[in-house]
PDB file of all heavy atoms in Angstrom:
ATOM      1  N   GLY A   1      90.112 102.853 106.021  1.00  0.00           N
ATOM      2  CA  GLY A   1      91.554 102.812 105.820  1.00  0.00           C
ATOM      3  C   GLY A   1      92.338 103.409 106.977  1.00  0.00           C
ATOM      4  O   GLY A   1      93.532 103.146 107.119  1.00  0.00           O
ATOM      5  N   LEU A   2      91.657 104.216 107.810  1.00  0.00           N
ATOM      6  CA  LEU A   2      92.313 104.799 108.979  1.00  0.00           C
ATOM      7  C   LEU A   2      92.261 103.870 110.193  1.00  0.00           C
ATOM      8  O   LEU A   2      93.024 104.058 111.146  1.00  0.00           O
ATOM      9  CB  LEU A   2      91.644 106.129 109.348  1.00  0.00           C
ATOM     10  CG  LEU A   2      91.805 107.286 108.367  1.00  0.00           C
ATOM     11  CD1 LEU A   2      90.901 108.445 108.785  1.00  0.00           C
ATOM     12  CD2 LEU A   2      93.253 107.755 108.314  1.00  0.00           C
ATOM     13  N   PHE A   3      91.364 102.896 110.169  1.00  0.00           N
ATOM     14  CA  PHE A   3      91.150 102.062 111.354  1.00  0.00           C
ATOM     15  C   PHE A   3      92.409 101.332 111.826  1.00  0.00           C
ATOM     16  O   PHE A   3      92.662 101.273 113.030  1.00  0.00           O
ATOM     17  CB  PHE A   3      90.029 101.050 111.096  1.00  0.00           C
ATOM     18  CG  PHE A   3      88.647 101.648 111.043  1.00  0.00           C
ATOM     19  CD1 PHE A   3      88.442 103.005 111.182  1.00  0.00           C
ATOM     20  CD2 PHE A   3      87.535 100.836 110.843  1.00  0.00           C
ATOM     21  CE1 PHE A   3      87.165 103.564 111.126  1.00  0.00           C
ATOM     22  CE2 PHE A   3      86.253 101.371 110.792  1.00  0.00           C
ATOM     23  CZ  PHE A   3      86.077 102.739 110.927  1.00  0.00           C
ATOM     24  N   PRO A   4      93.214 100.744 110.935  1.00  0.00           N
ATOM     25  CA  PRO A   4      94.390 100.019 111.432  1.00  0.00           C
ATOM     26  C   PRO A   4      95.353 100.906 112.217  1.00  0.00           C
ATOM     27  O   PRO A   4      96.033 100.431 113.131  1.00  0.00           O
ATOM     28  CB  PRO A   4      95.044  99.489 110.148  1.00  0.00           C
ATOM     29  CG  PRO A   4      93.932  99.402 109.164  1.00  0.00           C
ATOM     30  CD  PRO A   4      93.050 100.570 109.476  1.00  0.00           C
ATOM     31  N   ALA A   5      95.425 102.184 111.874  1.00  0.00           N
ATOM     32  CA  ALA A   5      96.387 103.077 112.520  1.00  0.00           C
ATOM     33  C   ALA A   5      95.817 103.772 113.746  1.00  0.00           C
ATOM     34  O   ALA A   5      96.505 103.923 114.757  1.00  0.00           O
ATOM     35  CB  ALA A   5      96.883 104.123 111.520  1.00  0.00           C
ATOM     36  N   VAL A   6      94.556 104.221 113.686  1.00  0.00           N
ATOM     37  CA  VAL A   6      94.013 105.048 114.775  1.00  0.00           C
ATOM     38  C   VAL A   6      92.706 104.494 115.332  1.00  0.00           C
ATOM     39  O   VAL A   6      92.153 105.076 116.269  1.00  0.00           O
ATOM     40  CB  VAL A   6      93.818 106.508 114.314  1.00  0.00           C
ATOM     41  CG1 VAL A   6      95.146 107.139 113.954  1.00  0.00           C
ATOM     42  CG2 VAL A   6      92.840 106.590 113.138  1.00  0.00           C
ATOM     43  N   GLY A   7      92.200 103.405 114.756  1.00  0.00           N
ATOM     44  CA  GLY A   7      90.952 102.831 115.240  1.00  0.00           C
ATOM     45  C   GLY A   7      89.742 103.668 114.848  1.00  0.00           C
ATOM     46  O   GLY A   7      89.884 104.790 114.359  1.00  0.00           O
ATOM     47  N   PRO A   8      88.544 103.146 115.070  1.00  0.00           N
ATOM     48  CA  PRO A   8      87.336 103.917 114.762  1.00  0.00           C
ATOM     49  C   PRO A   8      87.255 105.213 115.566  1.00  0.00           C
ATOM     50  O   PRO A   8      86.710 106.216 115.086  1.00  0.00           O
ATOM     51  CB  PRO A   8      86.200 102.955 115.139  1.00  0.00           C
ATOM     52  CG  PRO A   8      86.813 101.601 115.126  1.00  0.00           C
ATOM     53  CD  PRO A   8      88.232 101.787 115.539  1.00  0.00           C
ATOM     54  N   GLN A   9      87.792 105.206 116.804  1.00  0.00           N
ATOM     55  CA  GLN A   9      87.728 106.407 117.637  1.00  0.00           C
ATOM     56  C   GLN A   9      88.585 107.522 117.039  1.00  0.00           C
ATOM     57  O   GLN A   9      88.151 108.680 116.953  1.00  0.00           O
ATOM     58  CB  GLN A   9      88.202 106.082 119.058  1.00  0.00           C
ATOM     59  CG  GLN A   9      87.359 105.050 119.776  1.00  0.00           C
ATOM     60  CD  GLN A   9      87.817 103.624 119.533  1.00  0.00           C
ATOM     61  OE1 GLN A   9      88.568 103.345 118.593  1.00  0.00           O
ATOM     62  NE2 GLN A   9      87.375 102.715 120.396  1.00  0.00           N
ATOM     63  N   GLY A  10      89.807 107.185 116.636  1.00  0.00           N
ATOM     64  CA  GLY A  10      90.671 108.185 116.027  1.00  0.00           C
ATOM     65  C   GLY A  10      90.143 108.657 114.684  1.00  0.00           C
ATOM     66  O   GLY A  10      90.219 109.853 114.357  1.00  0.00           O
ATOM     67  N   ALA A  11      89.595 107.721 113.895  1.00  0.00           N
ATOM     68  CA  ALA A  11      89.046 108.093 112.591  1.00  0.00           C
ATOM     69  C   ALA A  11      87.869 109.056 112.752  1.00  0.00           C
ATOM     70  O   ALA A  11      87.751 110.034 112.007  1.00  0.00           O
ATOM     71  CB  ALA A  11      88.602 106.839 111.835  1.00  0.00           C
ATOM     72  N   ALA A  12      86.998 108.785 113.727  1.00  0.00           N
ATOM     73  CA  ALA A  12      85.863 109.672 113.961  1.00  0.00           C
ATOM     74  C   ALA A  12      86.329 111.056 114.401  1.00  0.00           C
ATOM     75  O   ALA A  12      85.787 112.084 113.968  1.00  0.00           O
ATOM     76  CB  ALA A  12      84.937 109.069 115.013  1.00  0.00           C
ATOM     77  N   THR A  13      87.350 111.103 115.264  1.00  0.00           N
ATOM     78  CA  THR A  13      87.878 112.383 115.733  1.00  0.00           C
ATOM     79  C   THR A  13      88.454 113.201 114.584  1.00  0.00           C
ATOM     80  O   THR A  13      88.150 114.396 114.432  1.00  0.00           O
ATOM     81  CB  THR A  13      88.956 112.147 116.803  1.00  0.00           C
ATOM     82  OG1 THR A  13      88.390 111.459 117.911  1.00  0.00           O
ATOM     83  CG2 THR A  13      89.536 113.467 117.282  1.00  0.00           C
ATOM     84  N   LEU A  14      89.292 112.567 113.754  1.00  0.00           N
ATOM     85  CA  LEU A  14      89.885 113.274 112.620  1.00  0.00           C
ATOM     86  C   LEU A  14      88.822 113.745 111.644  1.00  0.00           C
ATOM     87  O   LEU A  14      88.866 114.884 111.153  1.00  0.00           O
ATOM     88  CB  LEU A  14      90.882 112.358 111.911  1.00  0.00           C
ATOM     89  CG  LEU A  14      92.189 112.070 112.655  1.00  0.00           C
ATOM     90  CD1 LEU A  14      92.982 110.986 111.937  1.00  0.00           C
ATOM     91  CD2 LEU A  14      93.021 113.339 112.781  1.00  0.00           C
ATOM     92  N   ARG A  15      87.867 112.882 111.340  1.00  0.00           N
ATOM     93  CA  ARG A  15      86.812 113.235 110.389  1.00  0.00           C
ATOM     94  C   ARG A  15      86.004 114.445 110.861  1.00  0.00           C
ATOM     95  O   ARG A  15      85.698 115.354 110.097  1.00  0.00           O
ATOM     96  CB  ARG A  15      85.903 112.027 110.178  1.00  0.00           C
ATOM     97  CG  ARG A  15      84.654 112.303 109.339  1.00  0.00           C
ATOM     98  CD  ARG A  15      83.449 112.316 110.273  1.00  0.00           C
ATOM     99  NE  ARG A  15      82.192 112.204 109.566  1.00  0.00           N
ATOM    100  CZ  ARG A  15      81.451 113.227 109.179  1.00  0.00           C
ATOM    101  NH1 ARG A  15      81.871 114.453 109.381  1.00  0.00           N
ATOM    102  NH2 ARG A  15      80.290 113.030 108.584  1.00  0.00           N
ATOM    103  N   LEU A  16      85.690 114.493 112.160  1.00  0.00           N
ATOM    104  CA  LEU A  16      84.866 115.580 112.678  1.00  0.00           C
ATOM    105  C   LEU A  16      85.651 116.889 112.811  1.00  0.00           C
ATOM    106  O   LEU A  16      85.159 117.956 112.411  1.00  0.00           O
ATOM    107  CB  LEU A  16      84.268 115.178 114.022  1.00  0.00           C
ATOM    108  CG  LEU A  16      83.153 114.129 113.943  1.00  0.00           C
ATOM    109  CD1 LEU A  16      82.818 113.588 115.327  1.00  0.00           C
ATOM    110  CD2 LEU A  16      81.905 114.721 113.291  1.00  0.00           C
ATOM    111  N   LEU A  17      86.853 116.827 113.375  1.00  0.00           N
ATOM    112  CA  LEU A  17      87.607 118.059 113.571  1.00  0.00           C
ATOM    113  C   LEU A  17      88.019 118.684 112.239  1.00  0.00           C
ATOM    114  O   LEU A  17      87.841 119.899 112.035  1.00  0.00           O
ATOM    115  CB  LEU A  17      88.841 117.778 114.437  1.00  0.00           C
ATOM    116  CG  LEU A  17      88.556 117.428 115.903  1.00  0.00           C
ATOM    117  CD1 LEU A  17      89.863 117.138 116.641  1.00  0.00           C
ATOM    118  CD2 LEU A  17      87.793 118.554 116.602  1.00  0.00           C
ATOM    119  N   LEU A  18      88.558 117.873 111.323  1.00  0.00           N
ATOM    120  CA  LEU A  18      88.929 118.407 110.022  1.00  0.00           C
ATOM    121  C   LEU A  18      87.695 118.826 109.223  1.00  0.00           C
ATOM    122  O   LEU A  18      87.702 119.851 108.531  1.00  0.00           O
ATOM    123  CB  LEU A  18      89.739 117.371 109.242  1.00  0.00           C
ATOM    124  CG  LEU A  18      91.119 117.033 109.815  1.00  0.00           C
ATOM    125  CD1 LEU A  18      91.756 115.895 109.020  1.00  0.00           C
ATOM    126  CD2 LEU A  18      92.025 118.250 109.813  1.00  0.00           C
ATOM    127  N   GLY A  19      86.619 118.040 109.345  1.00  0.00           N
ATOM    128  CA  GLY A  19      85.387 118.388 108.646  1.00  0.00           C
ATOM    129  C   GLY A  19      84.791 119.685 109.147  1.00  0.00           C
ATOM    130  O   GLY A  19      84.244 120.478 108.362  1.00  0.00           O
ATOM    131  N   ALA A  20      84.882 119.927 110.458  1.00  0.00           N
ATOM    132  CA  ALA A  20      84.362 121.174 111.017  1.00  0.00           C
ATOM    133  C   ALA A  20      85.105 122.378 110.449  1.00  0.00           C
ATOM    134  O   ALA A  20      84.496 123.406 110.124  1.00  0.00           O
ATOM    135  CB  ALA A  20      84.467 121.148 112.540  1.00  0.00           C
ATOM    136  N   VAL A  21      86.425 122.251 110.316  1.00  0.00           N
ATOM    137  CA  VAL A  21      87.209 123.349 109.749  1.00  0.00           C
ATOM    138  C   VAL A  21      86.803 123.603 108.302  1.00  0.00           C
ATOM    139  O   VAL A  21      86.599 124.760 107.875  1.00  0.00           O
ATOM    140  CB  VAL A  21      88.712 123.029 109.846  1.00  0.00           C
ATOM    141  CG1 VAL A  21      89.530 124.067 109.086  1.00  0.00           C
ATOM    142  CG2 VAL A  21      89.155 122.981 111.299  1.00  0.00           C
ATOM    143  N   MET A  22      86.653 122.529 107.529  1.00  0.00           N
ATOM    144  CA  MET A  22      86.255 122.677 106.128  1.00  0.00           C
ATOM    145  C   MET A  22      84.876 123.294 106.001  1.00  0.00           C
ATOM    146  O   MET A  22      84.653 124.213 105.202  1.00  0.00           O
ATOM    147  CB  MET A  22      86.278 121.310 105.439  1.00  0.00           C
ATOM    148  CG  MET A  22      87.649 120.709 105.262  1.00  0.00           C
ATOM    149  SD  MET A  22      87.543 119.081 104.461  1.00  0.00           S
ATOM    150  CE  MET A  22      89.279 118.622 104.428  1.00  0.00           C
ATOM    151  N   LEU A  23      83.925 122.779 106.797  1.00  0.00           N
ATOM    152  CA  LEU A  23      82.556 123.272 106.691  1.00  0.00           C
ATOM    153  C   LEU A  23      82.454 124.713 107.173  1.00  0.00           C
ATOM    154  O   LEU A  23      81.674 125.500 106.628  1.00  0.00           O
ATOM    155  CB  LEU A  23      81.617 122.374 107.492  1.00  0.00           C
ATOM    156  CG  LEU A  23      80.121 122.571 107.247  1.00  0.00           C
ATOM    157  CD1 LEU A  23      79.785 122.365 105.780  1.00  0.00           C
ATOM    158  CD2 LEU A  23      79.308 121.616 108.114  1.00  0.00           C
ATOM    159  N   ALA A  24      83.257 125.079 108.176  1.00  0.00           N
ATOM    160  CA  ALA A  24      83.262 126.462 108.643  1.00  0.00           C
ATOM    161  C   ALA A  24      83.726 127.405 107.538  1.00  0.00           C
ATOM    162  O   ALA A  24      83.223 128.528 107.402  1.00  0.00           O
ATOM    163  CB  ALA A  24      84.161 126.606 109.870  1.00  0.00           C
ATOM    164  N   GLY A  25      84.691 126.938 106.734  1.00  0.00           N
ATOM    165  CA  GLY A  25      85.142 127.756 105.623  1.00  0.00           C
ATOM    166  C   GLY A  25      84.073 127.956 104.567  1.00  0.00           C
ATOM    167  O   GLY A  25      84.060 128.979 103.869  1.00  0.00           O
ATOM    168  N   VAL A  26      83.152 126.987 104.455  1.00  0.00           N
ATOM    169  CA  VAL A  26      82.073 127.083 103.464  1.00  0.00           C
ATOM    170  C   VAL A  26      80.912 127.931 103.991  1.00  0.00           C
ATOM    171  O   VAL A  26      80.394 128.806 103.296  1.00  0.00           O
ATOM    172  CB  VAL A  26      81.572 125.672 103.076  1.00  0.00           C
ATOM    173  CG1 VAL A  26      80.348 125.776 102.175  1.00  0.00           C
ATOM    174  CG2 VAL A  26      82.676 124.892 102.390  1.00  0.00           C
ATOM    175  N   THR A  27      80.501 127.685 105.233  1.00  0.00           N
ATOM    176  CA  THR A  27      79.280 128.323 105.757  1.00  0.00           C
ATOM    177  C   THR A  27      79.559 129.593 106.558  1.00  0.00           C
ATOM    178  O   THR A  27      78.639 130.381 106.775  1.00  0.00           O
ATOM    179  CB  THR A  27      78.512 127.345 106.658  1.00  0.00           C
ATOM    180  OG1 THR A  27      79.332 126.983 107.785  1.00  0.00           O
ATOM    181  CG2 THR A  27      78.152 126.072 105.888  1.00  0.00           C
ATOM    182  N   ARG A  28      80.800 129.799 107.041  1.00  0.00           N
ATOM    183  CA  ARG A  28      81.175 130.964 107.836  1.00  0.00           C
ATOM    184  C   ARG A  28      80.152 131.228 108.948  1.00  0.00           C
ATOM    185  O   ARG A  28      79.423 132.223 108.943  1.00  0.00           O
ATOM    186  CB  ARG A  28      81.297 132.203 106.951  1.00  0.00           C
ATOM    187  CG  ARG A  28      82.353 132.047 105.865  1.00  0.00           C
ATOM    188  CD  ARG A  28      82.433 133.261 104.963  1.00  0.00           C
ATOM    189  NE  ARG A  28      83.397 133.046 103.905  1.00  0.00           N
ATOM    190  CZ  ARG A  28      83.680 133.965 102.963  1.00  0.00           C
ATOM    191  NH1 ARG A  28      83.046 135.126 102.969  1.00  0.00           N
ATOM    192  NH2 ARG A  28      84.575 133.697 102.048  1.00  0.00           N
ATOM    193  N   PRO A  29      80.087 130.338 109.928  1.00  0.00           N
ATOM    194  CA  PRO A  29      79.031 130.427 110.944  1.00  0.00           C
ATOM    195  C   PRO A  29      79.086 131.680 111.800  1.00  0.00           C
ATOM    196  O   PRO A  29      78.084 132.033 112.437  1.00  0.00           O
ATOM    197  CB  PRO A  29      79.268 129.165 111.793  1.00  0.00           C
ATOM    198  CG  PRO A  29      80.706 128.818 111.574  1.00  0.00           C
ATOM    199  CD  PRO A  29      80.995 129.204 110.161  1.00  0.00           C
ATOM    200  N   TRP A  30      80.220 132.353 111.844  1.00  0.00           N
ATOM    201  CA  TRP A  30      80.337 133.553 112.665  1.00  0.00           C
ATOM    202  C   TRP A  30      79.606 134.751 112.053  1.00  0.00           C
ATOM    203  O   TRP A  30      79.363 135.732 112.738  1.00  0.00           O
ATOM    204  CB  TRP A  30      81.818 133.895 112.856  1.00  0.00           C
ATOM    205  CG  TRP A  30      82.565 134.010 111.566  1.00  0.00           C
ATOM    206  CD1 TRP A  30      82.696 135.111 110.768  1.00  0.00           C
ATOM    207  CD2 TRP A  30      83.271 132.956 110.911  1.00  0.00           C
ATOM    208  NE1 TRP A  30      83.437 134.819 109.656  1.00  0.00           N
ATOM    209  CE2 TRP A  30      83.812 133.515 109.719  1.00  0.00           C
ATOM    210  CE3 TRP A  30      83.525 131.620 111.211  1.00  0.00           C
ATOM    211  CZ2 TRP A  30      84.575 132.763 108.824  1.00  0.00           C
ATOM    212  CZ3 TRP A  30      84.277 130.880 110.325  1.00  0.00           C
ATOM    213  CH2 TRP A  30      84.800 131.430 109.147  1.00  0.00           C
ATOM    214  N   ARG A  31      79.256 134.663 110.794  1.00  0.00           N
ATOM    215  CA  ARG A  31      78.554 135.777 110.150  1.00  0.00           C
ATOM    216  C   ARG A  31      77.067 135.701 110.462  1.00  0.00           C
ATOM    217  O   ARG A  31      76.410 134.695 110.225  1.00  0.00           O
ATOM    218  CB  ARG A  31      78.763 135.733 108.633  1.00  0.00           C
ATOM    219  CG  ARG A  31      80.225 135.910 108.227  1.00  0.00           C
ATOM    220  CD  ARG A  31      80.427 135.725 106.742  1.00  0.00           C
ATOM    221  NE  ARG A  31      79.643 136.669 105.955  1.00  0.00           N
ATOM    222  CZ  ARG A  31      79.624 136.699 104.625  1.00  0.00           C
ATOM    223  NH1 ARG A  31      80.339 135.818 103.946  1.00  0.00           N
ATOM    224  NH2 ARG A  31      78.902 137.575 103.982  1.00  0.00           N
ATOM    225  N   GLY A  32      76.517 136.763 110.996  1.00  0.00           N
ATOM    226  CA  GLY A  32      75.095 136.801 111.322  1.00  0.00           C
ATOM    227  C   GLY A  32      74.716 135.882 112.460  1.00  0.00           C
ATOM    228  O   GLY A  32      73.582 135.385 112.504  1.00  0.00           O
TER     229      GLY A  32
END
């Protein structure tokens, strides 16, 4: 659904950057 607006490249970028923030909140990689 994001492809028409931002293409596969933009969709991949948004998915990874936003996903990294979400996953960091779950796993807290800075600890230990």
